[in-house]
């Protein structure tokens, strides 16, 4: 497993780069995402299948996070009922700091 919440040494001094160098660095880092996801494809598929099976049995999906991760989970949970017609409460989000952390 790779750490995702640590300082990236490649971007440590991004604030000192020219705008063009910043953009190039961001593009280079973004290009690393798809191969990293591909390596975990079987695990990701397994998790999706497990969640789908539990939802089909009436279970819930609960996102738990803090900071940006928590806000993105809350956004995704809010999109599920209008987008997919799921009943409210089927997918929920818990975020550290509660409502204040979102607003």
PDB file of N, CA and C in Angstrom:
ATOM      1  N   UNK A   1       0.840  -1.167   0.000  1.00  0.00           N
ATOM      2  CA  UNK A   1       0.000   0.000   0.000  1.00  0.00           C
ATOM      3  C   UNK A   1       0.897   1.246   0.000  1.00  0.00           C
ATOM      4  N   UNK A   2       0.483   2.224  -0.764  1.00  0.00           N
ATOM      5  CA  UNK A   2       1.246   3.472  -0.828  1.00  0.00           C
ATOM      6  C   UNK A   2       0.583   4.544   0.023  1.00  0.00           C
ATOM      7  N   UNK A   3       1.396   5.351   0.642  1.00  0.00           N
ATOM      8  CA  UNK A   3       0.869   6.481   1.398  1.00  0.00           C
ATOM      9  C   UNK A   3       0.380   7.553   0.434  1.00  0.00           C
ATOM     10  N   UNK A   4      -0.768   8.143   0.743  1.00  0.00           N
ATOM     11  CA  UNK A   4      -1.300   9.202  -0.116  1.00  0.00           C
ATOM     12  C   UNK A   4      -1.332  10.548   0.577  1.00  0.00           C
ATOM     13  N   UNK A   5      -1.155  10.547   1.870  1.00  0.00           N
ATOM     14  CA  UNK A   5      -1.251  11.801   2.616  1.00  0.00           C
ATOM     15  C   UNK A   5       0.121  12.252   3.132  1.00  0.00           C
ATOM     16  N   UNK A   6       1.111  12.120   2.301  1.00  0.00           N
ATOM     17  CA  UNK A   6       2.444  12.557   2.675  1.00  0.00           C
ATOM     18  C   UNK A   6       2.950  13.565   1.648  1.00  0.00           C
ATOM     19  N   UNK A   7       4.015  14.238   1.992  1.00  0.00           N
ATOM     20  CA  UNK A   7       4.588  15.229   1.086  1.00  0.00           C
ATOM     21  C   UNK A   7       5.182  14.530  -0.128  1.00  0.00           C
ATOM     22  N   UNK A   8       4.856  15.024  -1.294  1.00  0.00           N
ATOM     23  CA  UNK A   8       5.417  14.501  -2.536  1.00  0.00           C
ATOM     24  C   UNK A   8       6.715  15.262  -2.801  1.00  0.00           C
ATOM     25  N   UNK A   9       7.849  14.594  -2.737  1.00  0.00           N
ATOM     26  CA  UNK A   9       9.115  15.305  -2.927  1.00  0.00           C
ATOM     27  C   UNK A   9       9.233  15.959  -4.304  1.00  0.00           C
ATOM     28  N   UNK A  10       8.524  15.419  -5.290  1.00  0.00           N
ATOM     29  CA  UNK A  10       8.597  16.005  -6.641  1.00  0.00           C
ATOM     30  C   UNK A  10       7.892  17.351  -6.720  1.00  0.00           C
ATOM     31  N   UNK A  11       6.950  17.588  -5.810  1.00  0.00           N
ATOM     32  CA  UNK A  11       6.212  18.857  -5.848  1.00  0.00           C
ATOM     33  C   UNK A  11       6.506  19.748  -4.643  1.00  0.00           C
ATOM     34  N   UNK A  12       7.492  19.383  -3.886  1.00  0.00           N
ATOM     35  CA  UNK A  12       7.809  20.112  -2.653  1.00  0.00           C
ATOM     36  C   UNK A  12       8.028  21.608  -2.893  1.00  0.00           C
ATOM     37  N   UNK A  13       8.624  21.959  -4.012  1.00  0.00           N
ATOM     38  CA  UNK A  13       8.925  23.373  -4.274  1.00  0.00           C
ATOM     39  C   UNK A  13       8.147  23.908  -5.467  1.00  0.00           C
ATOM     40  N   UNK A  14       6.952  23.364  -5.684  1.00  0.00           N
ATOM     41  CA  UNK A  14       6.148  23.766  -6.827  1.00  0.00           C
ATOM     42  C   UNK A  14       5.821  25.262  -6.802  1.00  0.00           C
ATOM     43  N   UNK A  15       5.716  25.823  -5.605  1.00  0.00           N
ATOM     44  CA  UNK A  15       5.390  27.248  -5.493  1.00  0.00           C
ATOM     45  C   UNK A  15       6.513  28.149  -5.996  1.00  0.00           C
ATOM     46  N   UNK A  16       7.679  27.596  -6.210  1.00  0.00           N
ATOM     47  CA  UNK A  16       8.800  28.387  -6.708  1.00  0.00           C
ATOM     48  C   UNK A  16       9.004  28.214  -8.208  1.00  0.00           C
ATOM     49  N   UNK A  17       8.222  27.341  -8.828  1.00  0.00           N
ATOM     50  CA  UNK A  17       8.340  27.096 -10.265  1.00  0.00           C
ATOM     51  C   UNK A  17       7.623  28.176 -11.065  1.00  0.00           C
ATOM     52  N   UNK A  18       7.982  28.252 -12.337  1.00  0.00           N
ATOM     53  CA  UNK A  18       7.223  29.117 -13.231  1.00  0.00           C
ATOM     54  C   UNK A  18       5.850  28.477 -13.430  1.00  0.00           C
ATOM     55  N   UNK A  19       4.917  29.247 -13.902  1.00  0.00           N
ATOM     56  CA  UNK A  19       3.575  28.711 -14.127  1.00  0.00           C
ATOM     57  C   UNK A  19       3.623  27.540 -15.101  1.00  0.00           C
ATOM     58  N   UNK A  20       4.384  27.669 -16.172  1.00  0.00           N
ATOM     59  CA  UNK A  20       4.480  26.584 -17.144  1.00  0.00           C
ATOM     60  C   UNK A  20       5.083  25.341 -16.512  1.00  0.00           C
ATOM     61  N   UNK A  21       6.122  25.505 -15.692  1.00  0.00           N
ATOM     62  CA  UNK A  21       6.714  24.346 -15.017  1.00  0.00           C
ATOM     63  C   UNK A  21       5.734  23.718 -14.024  1.00  0.00           C
ATOM     64  N   UNK A  22       4.921  24.544 -13.366  1.00  0.00           N
ATOM     65  CA  UNK A  22       3.896  24.016 -12.466  1.00  0.00           C
ATOM     66  C   UNK A  22       2.921  23.137 -13.234  1.00  0.00           C
ATOM     67  N   UNK A  23       2.449  23.660 -14.363  1.00  0.00           N
ATOM     68  CA  UNK A  23       1.486  22.898 -15.164  1.00  0.00           C
ATOM     69  C   UNK A  23       2.106  21.594 -15.651  1.00  0.00           C
ATOM     70  N   UNK A  24       3.331  21.654 -16.116  1.00  0.00           N
ATOM     71  CA  UNK A  24       3.999  20.426 -16.572  1.00  0.00           C
ATOM     72  C   UNK A  24       4.143  19.421 -15.444  1.00  0.00           C
ATOM     73  N   UNK A  25       4.481  19.893 -14.265  1.00  0.00           N
ATOM     74  CA  UNK A  25       4.636  19.011 -13.113  1.00  0.00           C
ATOM     75  C   UNK A  25       3.299  18.373 -12.737  1.00  0.00           C
ATOM     76  N   UNK A  26       2.246  19.160 -12.744  1.00  0.00           N
ATOM     77  CA  UNK A  26       0.915  18.632 -12.444  1.00  0.00           C
ATOM     78  C   UNK A  26       0.521  17.579 -13.477  1.00  0.00           C
ATOM     79  N   UNK A  27       0.771  17.851 -14.747  1.00  0.00           N
ATOM     80  CA  UNK A  27       0.449  16.892 -15.808  1.00  0.00           C
ATOM     81  C   UNK A  27       1.253  15.612 -15.618  1.00  0.00           C
ATOM     82  N   UNK A  28       2.529  15.752 -15.297  1.00  0.00           N
ATOM     83  CA  UNK A  28       3.369  14.573 -15.066  1.00  0.00           C
ATOM     84  C   UNK A  28       2.851  13.742 -13.885  1.00  0.00           C
ATOM     85  N   UNK A  29       2.462  14.415 -12.818  1.00  0.00           N
ATOM     86  CA  UNK A  29       1.954  13.697 -11.646  1.00  0.00           C
ATOM     87  C   UNK A  29       0.608  13.041 -11.956  1.00  0.00           C
ATOM     88  N   UNK A  30      -0.245  13.740 -12.687  1.00  0.00           N
ATOM     89  CA  UNK A  30      -1.534  13.153 -13.072  1.00  0.00           C
ATOM     90  C   UNK A  30      -1.340  11.892 -13.913  1.00  0.00           C
ATOM     91  N   UNK A  31      -0.311  11.868 -14.740  1.00  0.00           N
ATOM     92  CA  UNK A  31      -0.049  10.715 -15.600  1.00  0.00           C
ATOM     93  C   UNK A  31       0.321   9.476 -14.780  1.00  0.00           C
ATOM     94  N   UNK A  32       0.696   9.650 -13.536  1.00  0.00           N
ATOM     95  CA  UNK A  32       1.064   8.528 -12.674  1.00  0.00           C
ATOM     96  C   UNK A  32      -0.170   7.849 -12.059  1.00  0.00           C
ATOM     97  N   UNK A  33      -1.332   8.510 -12.144  1.00  0.00           N
ATOM     98  CA  UNK A  33      -2.528   7.999 -11.477  1.00  0.00           C
ATOM     99  C   UNK A  33      -3.055   6.730 -12.143  1.00  0.00           C
ATOM    100  N   UNK A  34      -3.287   6.777 -13.450  1.00  0.00           N
ATOM    101  CA  UNK A  34      -3.891   5.620 -14.138  1.00  0.00           C
ATOM    102  C   UNK A  34      -3.076   4.339 -13.952  1.00  0.00           C
ATOM    103  N   UNK A  35      -1.764   4.369 -14.099  1.00  0.00           N
ATOM    104  CA  UNK A  35      -1.012   3.125 -13.857  1.00  0.00           C
ATOM    105  C   UNK A  35      -1.123   2.629 -12.412  1.00  0.00           C
ATOM    106  N   UNK A  36      -1.181   3.543 -11.461  1.00  0.00           N
ATOM    107  CA  UNK A  36      -1.316   3.131 -10.061  1.00  0.00           C
ATOM    108  C   UNK A  36      -2.675   2.479  -9.814  1.00  0.00           C
ATOM    109  N   UNK A  37      -3.715   3.019 -10.435  1.00  0.00           N
ATOM    110  CA  UNK A  37      -5.049   2.425 -10.304  1.00  0.00           C
ATOM    111  C   UNK A  37      -5.075   1.065 -10.994  1.00  0.00           C
ATOM    112  N   UNK A  38      -4.446   0.968 -12.156  1.00  0.00           N
ATOM    113  CA  UNK A  38      -4.434  -0.296 -12.913  1.00  0.00           C
ATOM    114  C   UNK A  38      -3.823  -1.429 -12.093  1.00  0.00           C
ATOM    115  N   UNK A  39      -2.800  -1.136 -11.330  1.00  0.00           N
ATOM    116  CA  UNK A  39      -2.151  -2.151 -10.499  1.00  0.00           C
ATOM    117  C   UNK A  39      -3.128  -2.730  -9.472  1.00  0.00           C
ATOM    118  N   UNK A  40      -4.073  -1.927  -9.037  1.00  0.00           N
ATOM    119  CA  UNK A  40      -5.028  -2.344  -8.002  1.00  0.00           C
ATOM    120  C   UNK A  40      -6.393  -2.718  -8.571  1.00  0.00           C
ATOM    121  N   UNK A  41      -6.489  -2.934  -9.886  1.00  0.00           N
ATOM    122  CA  UNK A  41      -7.778  -3.183 -10.539  1.00  0.00           C
ATOM    123  C   UNK A  41      -8.552  -4.335  -9.904  1.00  0.00           C
ATOM    124  N   UNK A  42      -7.903  -5.446  -9.604  1.00  0.00           N
ATOM    125  CA  UNK A  42      -8.606  -6.596  -9.019  1.00  0.00           C
ATOM    126  C   UNK A  42      -9.172  -6.259  -7.651  1.00  0.00           C
ATOM    127  N   UNK A  43      -8.396  -5.575  -6.828  1.00  0.00           N
ATOM    128  CA  UNK A  43      -8.884  -5.196  -5.490  1.00  0.00           C
ATOM    129  C   UNK A  43     -10.040  -4.211  -5.592  1.00  0.00           C
ATOM    130  N   UNK A  44      -9.909  -3.248  -6.488  1.00  0.00           N
ATOM    131  CA  UNK A  44     -10.971  -2.254  -6.663  1.00  0.00           C
ATOM    132  C   UNK A  44     -12.253  -2.942  -7.112  1.00  0.00           C
ATOM    133  N   UNK A  45     -12.153  -3.846  -8.080  1.00  0.00           N
ATOM    134  CA  UNK A  45     -13.328  -4.580  -8.558  1.00  0.00           C
ATOM    135  C   UNK A  45     -13.959  -5.390  -7.434  1.00  0.00           C
ATOM    136  N   UNK A  46     -13.131  -6.010  -6.607  1.00  0.00           N
ATOM    137  CA  UNK A  46     -13.641  -6.792  -5.486  1.00  0.00           C
ATOM    138  C   UNK A  46     -14.408  -5.936  -4.490  1.00  0.00           C
ATOM    139  N   UNK A  47     -13.893  -4.769  -4.205  1.00  0.00           N
ATOM    140  CA  UNK A  47     -14.572  -3.853  -3.288  1.00  0.00           C
ATOM    141  C   UNK A  47     -15.903  -3.394  -3.890  1.00  0.00           C
ATOM    142  N   UNK A  48     -15.895  -3.049  -5.177  1.00  0.00           N
ATOM    143  CA  UNK A  48     -17.134  -2.630  -5.842  1.00  0.00           C
ATOM    144  C   UNK A  48     -18.176  -3.745  -5.781  1.00  0.00           C
ATOM    145  N   UNK A  49     -17.765  -4.967  -6.088  1.00  0.00           N
ATOM    146  CA  UNK A  49     -18.694  -6.099  -6.045  1.00  0.00           C
ATOM    147  C   UNK A  49     -19.250  -6.301  -4.635  1.00  0.00           C
ATOM    148  N   UNK A  50     -18.410  -6.189  -3.629  1.00  0.00           N
ATOM    149  CA  UNK A  50     -18.861  -6.370  -2.246  1.00  0.00           C
ATOM    150  C   UNK A  50     -19.854  -5.289  -1.842  1.00  0.00           C
ATOM    151  N   UNK A  51     -19.582  -4.058  -2.226  1.00  0.00           N
ATOM    152  CA  UNK A  51     -20.504  -2.960  -1.909  1.00  0.00           C
ATOM    153  C   UNK A  51     -21.832  -3.161  -2.632  1.00  0.00           C
ATOM    154  N   UNK A  52     -21.783  -3.500  -3.912  1.00  0.00           N
ATOM    155  CA  UNK A  52     -23.009  -3.700  -4.694  1.00  0.00           C
ATOM    156  C   UNK A  52     -23.865  -4.814  -4.091  1.00  0.00           C
ATOM    157  N   UNK A  53     -23.227  -5.896  -3.694  1.00  0.00           N
ATOM    158  CA  UNK A  53     -23.966  -7.017  -3.104  1.00  0.00           C
ATOM    159  C   UNK A  53     -24.659  -6.586  -1.822  1.00  0.00           C
ATOM    160  N   UNK A  54     -23.983  -5.832  -1.005  1.00  0.00           N
ATOM    161  CA  UNK A  54     -24.572  -5.384   0.255  1.00  0.00           C
ATOM    162  C   UNK A  54     -25.694  -4.373   0.015  1.00  0.00           C
ATOM    163  N   UNK A  55     -25.513  -3.487  -0.950  1.00  0.00           N
ATOM    164  CA  UNK A  55     -26.576  -2.533  -1.277  1.00  0.00           C
ATOM    165  C   UNK A  55     -27.811  -3.266  -1.794  1.00  0.00           C
ATOM    166  N   UNK A  56     -27.615  -4.301  -2.588  1.00  0.00           N
ATOM    167  CA  UNK A  56     -28.744  -5.086  -3.111  1.00  0.00           C
ATOM    168  C   UNK A  56     -29.515  -5.780  -1.997  1.00  0.00           C
ATOM    169  N   UNK A  57     -28.852  -6.056  -0.894  1.00  0.00           N
ATOM    170  CA  UNK A  57     -29.512  -6.691   0.260  1.00  0.00           C
ATOM    171  C   UNK A  57     -30.098  -5.654   1.214  1.00  0.00           C
ATOM    172  N   UNK A  58     -30.063  -4.369   0.811  1.00  0.00           N
ATOM    173  CA  UNK A  58     -30.632  -3.322   1.651  1.00  0.00           C
ATOM    174  C   UNK A  58     -29.635  -2.624   2.553  1.00  0.00           C
ATOM    175  N   UNK A  59     -28.358  -2.938   2.398  1.00  0.00           N
ATOM    176  CA  UNK A  59     -27.332  -2.285   3.218  1.00  0.00           C
ATOM    177  C   UNK A  59     -27.090  -0.849   2.796  1.00  0.00           C
ATOM    178  N   UNK A  60     -26.183  -0.215   3.482  1.00  0.00           N
ATOM    179  CA  UNK A  60     -25.848   1.176   3.183  1.00  0.00           C
ATOM    180  C   UNK A  60     -24.366   1.308   2.863  1.00  0.00           C
ATOM    181  N   UNK A  61     -24.038   2.373   2.166  1.00  0.00           N
ATOM    182  CA  UNK A  61     -22.647   2.756   1.915  1.00  0.00           C
ATOM    183  C   UNK A  61     -22.389   3.999   2.735  1.00  0.00           C
ATOM    184  N   UNK A  62     -21.381   3.948   3.557  1.00  0.00           N
ATOM    185  CA  UNK A  62     -21.059   5.073   4.433  1.00  0.00           C
ATOM    186  C   UNK A  62     -19.638   5.534   4.130  1.00  0.00           C
ATOM    187  N   UNK A  63     -19.545   6.768   3.660  1.00  0.00           N
ATOM    188  CA  UNK A  63     -18.239   7.392   3.455  1.00  0.00           C
ATOM    189  C   UNK A  63     -17.808   8.015   4.770  1.00  0.00           C
ATOM    190  N   UNK A  64     -16.553   7.834   5.131  1.00  0.00           N
ATOM    191  CA  UNK A  64     -16.002   8.442   6.337  1.00  0.00           C
ATOM    192  C   UNK A  64     -14.700   9.120   5.944  1.00  0.00           C
ATOM    193  N   UNK A  65     -14.577  10.399   6.268  1.00  0.00           N
ATOM    194  CA  UNK A  65     -13.358  11.091   5.885  1.00  0.00           C
ATOM    195  C   UNK A  65     -13.166  12.383   6.646  1.00  0.00           C
ATOM    196  N   UNK A  66     -12.049  13.012   6.362  1.00  0.00           N
ATOM    197  CA  UNK A  66     -11.710  14.295   6.955  1.00  0.00           C
ATOM    198  C   UNK A  66     -11.140  15.190   5.861  1.00  0.00           C
ATOM    199  N   UNK A  67     -11.268  16.478   6.052  1.00  0.00           N
ATOM    200  CA  UNK A  67     -10.713  17.417   5.085  1.00  0.00           C
ATOM    201  C   UNK A  67     -11.335  17.249   3.712  1.00  0.00           C
ATOM    202  N   UNK A  68     -10.512  17.396   2.693  1.00  0.00           N
ATOM    203  CA  UNK A  68     -10.998  17.299   1.319  1.00  0.00           C
ATOM    204  C   UNK A  68     -11.606  15.932   1.039  1.00  0.00           C
ATOM    205  N   UNK A  69     -11.003  14.879   1.547  1.00  0.00           N
ATOM    206  CA  UNK A  69     -11.551  13.531   1.328  1.00  0.00           C
ATOM    207  C   UNK A  69     -12.955  13.420   1.904  1.00  0.00           C
ATOM    208  N   UNK A  70     -13.174  13.972   3.063  1.00  0.00           N
ATOM    209  CA  UNK A  70     -14.503  13.950   3.672  1.00  0.00           C
ATOM    210  C   UNK A  70     -15.507  14.758   2.882  1.00  0.00           C
ATOM    211  N   UNK A  71     -15.081  15.928   2.383  1.00  0.00           N
ATOM    212  CA  UNK A  71     -15.983  16.757   1.582  1.00  0.00           C
ATOM    213  C   UNK A  71     -16.332  16.082   0.260  1.00  0.00           C
ATOM    214  N   UNK A  72     -15.370  15.408  -0.360  1.00  0.00           N
ATOM    215  CA  UNK A  72     -15.656  14.692  -1.606  1.00  0.00           C
ATOM    216  C   UNK A  72     -16.608  13.520  -1.356  1.00  0.00           C
ATOM    217  N   UNK A  73     -16.459  12.837  -0.231  1.00  0.00           N
ATOM    218  CA  UNK A  73     -17.393  11.778   0.124  1.00  0.00           C
ATOM    219  C   UNK A  73     -18.800  12.327   0.321  1.00  0.00           C
ATOM    220  N   UNK A  74     -18.904  13.483   0.981  1.00  0.00           N
ATOM    221  CA  UNK A  74     -20.212  14.113   1.197  1.00  0.00           C
ATOM    222  C   UNK A  74     -20.840  14.519  -0.136  1.00  0.00           C
ATOM    223  N   UNK A  75     -20.032  15.035  -1.035  1.00  0.00           N
ATOM    224  CA  UNK A  75     -20.531  15.421  -2.355  1.00  0.00           C
ATOM    225  C   UNK A  75     -21.045  14.200  -3.107  1.00  0.00           C
ATOM    226  N   UNK A  76     -20.283  13.115  -3.093  1.00  0.00           N
ATOM    227  CA  UNK A  76     -20.702  11.904  -3.788  1.00  0.00           C
ATOM    228  C   UNK A  76     -21.985  11.352  -3.178  1.00  0.00           C
ATOM    229  N   UNK A  77     -22.055  11.310  -1.859  1.00  0.00           N
ATOM    230  CA  UNK A  77     -23.254  10.798  -1.191  1.00  0.00           C
ATOM    231  C   UNK A  77     -24.476  11.647  -1.534  1.00  0.00           C
ATOM    232  N   UNK A  78     -24.297  12.951  -1.637  1.00  0.00           N
ATOM    233  CA  UNK A  78     -25.407  13.848  -1.973  1.00  0.00           C
ATOM    234  C   UNK A  78     -25.892  13.639  -3.402  1.00  0.00           C
ATOM    235  N   UNK A  79     -25.021  13.175  -4.283  1.00  0.00           N
ATOM    236  CA  UNK A  79     -25.376  12.976  -5.689  1.00  0.00           C
ATOM    237  C   UNK A  79     -26.130  11.670  -5.937  1.00  0.00           C
ATOM    238  N   UNK A  80     -26.012  10.707  -5.047  1.00  0.00           N
ATOM    239  CA  UNK A  80     -26.583   9.383  -5.297  1.00  0.00           C
ATOM    240  C   UNK A  80     -28.110   9.398  -5.427  1.00  0.00           C
ATOM    241  N   UNK A  81     -28.866   9.989  -4.486  1.00  0.00           N
ATOM    242  CA  UNK A  81     -30.333   9.950  -4.641  1.00  0.00           C
ATOM    243  C   UNK A  81     -30.838  10.607  -5.936  1.00  0.00           C
ATOM    244  N   UNK A  82     -30.427  11.841  -6.271  1.00  0.00           N
ATOM    245  CA  UNK A  82     -30.984  12.423  -7.495  1.00  0.00           C
ATOM    246  C   UNK A  82     -30.467  11.774  -8.776  1.00  0.00           C
ATOM    247  N   UNK A  83     -29.255  11.273  -8.747  1.00  0.00           N
ATOM    248  CA  UNK A  83     -28.670  10.695  -9.957  1.00  0.00           C
ATOM    249  C   UNK A  83     -29.143   9.270 -10.199  1.00  0.00           C
ATOM    250  N   UNK A  84     -29.229   8.470  -9.147  1.00  0.00           N
ATOM    251  CA  UNK A  84     -29.539   7.050  -9.304  1.00  0.00           C
ATOM    252  C   UNK A  84     -30.871   6.636  -8.694  1.00  0.00           C
ATOM    253  N   UNK A  85     -31.570   7.570  -8.071  1.00  0.00           N
ATOM    254  CA  UNK A  85     -32.875   7.257  -7.492  1.00  0.00           C
ATOM    255  C   UNK A  85     -32.809   6.421  -6.229  1.00  0.00           C
ATOM    256  N   UNK A  86     -31.647   6.375  -5.608  1.00  0.00           N
ATOM    257  CA  UNK A  86     -31.521   5.620  -4.354  1.00  0.00           C
ATOM    258  C   UNK A  86     -32.250   6.373  -3.245  1.00  0.00           C
ATOM    259  N   UNK A  87     -32.825   5.649  -2.312  1.00  0.00           N
ATOM    260  CA  UNK A  87     -33.508   6.334  -1.218  1.00  0.00           C
ATOM    261  C   UNK A  87     -32.526   7.119  -0.354  1.00  0.00           C
ATOM    262  N   UNK A  88     -32.959   8.270   0.141  1.00  0.00           N
ATOM    263  CA  UNK A  88     -32.096   9.029   1.055  1.00  0.00           C
ATOM    264  C   UNK A  88     -31.693   8.141   2.232  1.00  0.00           C
ATOM    265  N   UNK A  89     -30.467   8.248   2.638  1.00  0.00           N
ATOM    266  CA  UNK A  89     -29.966   7.440   3.744  1.00  0.00           C
ATOM    267  C   UNK A  89     -29.302   6.152   3.308  1.00  0.00           C
ATOM    268  N   UNK A  90     -29.455   5.757   2.047  1.00  0.00           N
ATOM    269  CA  UNK A  90     -28.797   4.540   1.560  1.00  0.00           C
ATOM    270  C   UNK A  90     -27.287   4.767   1.474  1.00  0.00           C
ATOM    271  N   UNK A  91     -26.891   5.959   1.023  1.00  0.00           N
ATOM    272  CA  UNK A  91     -25.477   6.335   0.956  1.00  0.00           C
ATOM    273  C   UNK A  91     -25.336   7.616   1.768  1.00  0.00           C
ATOM    274  N   UNK A  92     -24.506   7.554   2.795  1.00  0.00           N
ATOM    275  CA  UNK A  92     -24.324   8.725   3.651  1.00  0.00           C
ATOM    276  C   UNK A  92     -22.838   9.017   3.813  1.00  0.00           C
ATOM    277  N   UNK A  93     -22.564  10.200   4.317  1.00  0.00           N
ATOM    278  CA  UNK A  93     -21.172  10.596   4.557  1.00  0.00           C
ATOM    279  C   UNK A  93     -21.035  11.112   5.980  1.00  0.00           C
ATOM    280  N   UNK A  94     -19.981  10.705   6.624  1.00  0.00           N
ATOM    281  CA  UNK A  94     -19.609  11.228   7.939  1.00  0.00           C
ATOM    282  C   UNK A  94     -18.272  11.932   7.761  1.00  0.00           C
ATOM    283  N   UNK A  95     -18.214  13.170   8.196  1.00  0.00           N
ATOM    284  CA  UNK A  95     -16.994  13.945   8.028  1.00  0.00           C
ATOM    285  C   UNK A  95     -16.522  14.467   9.376  1.00  0.00           C
ATOM    286  N   UNK A  96     -15.241  14.358   9.603  1.00  0.00           N
ATOM    287  CA  UNK A  96     -14.669  14.887  10.839  1.00  0.00           C
ATOM    288  C   UNK A  96     -14.972  16.385  10.918  1.00  0.00           C
ATOM    289  N   UNK A  97     -15.483  16.816  12.034  1.00  0.00           N
ATOM    290  CA  UNK A  97     -15.837  18.225  12.198  1.00  0.00           C
ATOM    291  C   UNK A  97     -17.281  18.524  11.856  1.00  0.00           C
ATOM    292  N   UNK A  98     -18.005  17.520  11.349  1.00  0.00           N
ATOM    293  CA  UNK A  98     -19.431  17.691  11.067  1.00  0.00           C
ATOM    294  C   UNK A  98     -19.734  18.758  10.023  1.00  0.00           C
ATOM    295  N   UNK A  99     -20.902  19.334  10.132  1.00  0.00           N
ATOM    296  CA  UNK A  99     -21.368  20.316   9.149  1.00  0.00           C
ATOM    297  C   UNK A  99     -20.407  21.488   9.004  1.00  0.00           C
ATOM    298  N   UNK A 100     -19.809  21.917  10.087  1.00  0.00           N
ATOM    299  CA  UNK A 100     -18.851  23.047  10.014  1.00  0.00           C
ATOM    300  C   UNK A 100     -17.706  22.744   9.065  1.00  0.00           C
ATOM    301  N   UNK A 101     -17.304  21.493   8.978  1.00  0.00           N
ATOM    302  CA  UNK A 101     -16.178  21.121   8.097  1.00  0.00           C
ATOM    303  C   UNK A 101     -16.577  21.189   6.631  1.00  0.00           C
ATOM    304  N   UNK A 102     -17.870  21.126   6.341  1.00  0.00           N
ATOM    305  CA  UNK A 102     -18.336  21.195   4.965  1.00  0.00           C
ATOM    306  C   UNK A 102     -18.597  22.631   4.556  1.00  0.00           C
ATOM    307  N   UNK A 103     -19.159  23.402   5.465  1.00  0.00           N
ATOM    308  CA  UNK A 103     -19.557  24.766   5.118  1.00  0.00           C
ATOM    309  C   UNK A 103     -18.543  25.788   5.571  1.00  0.00           C
TER     310      UNK A 103
END
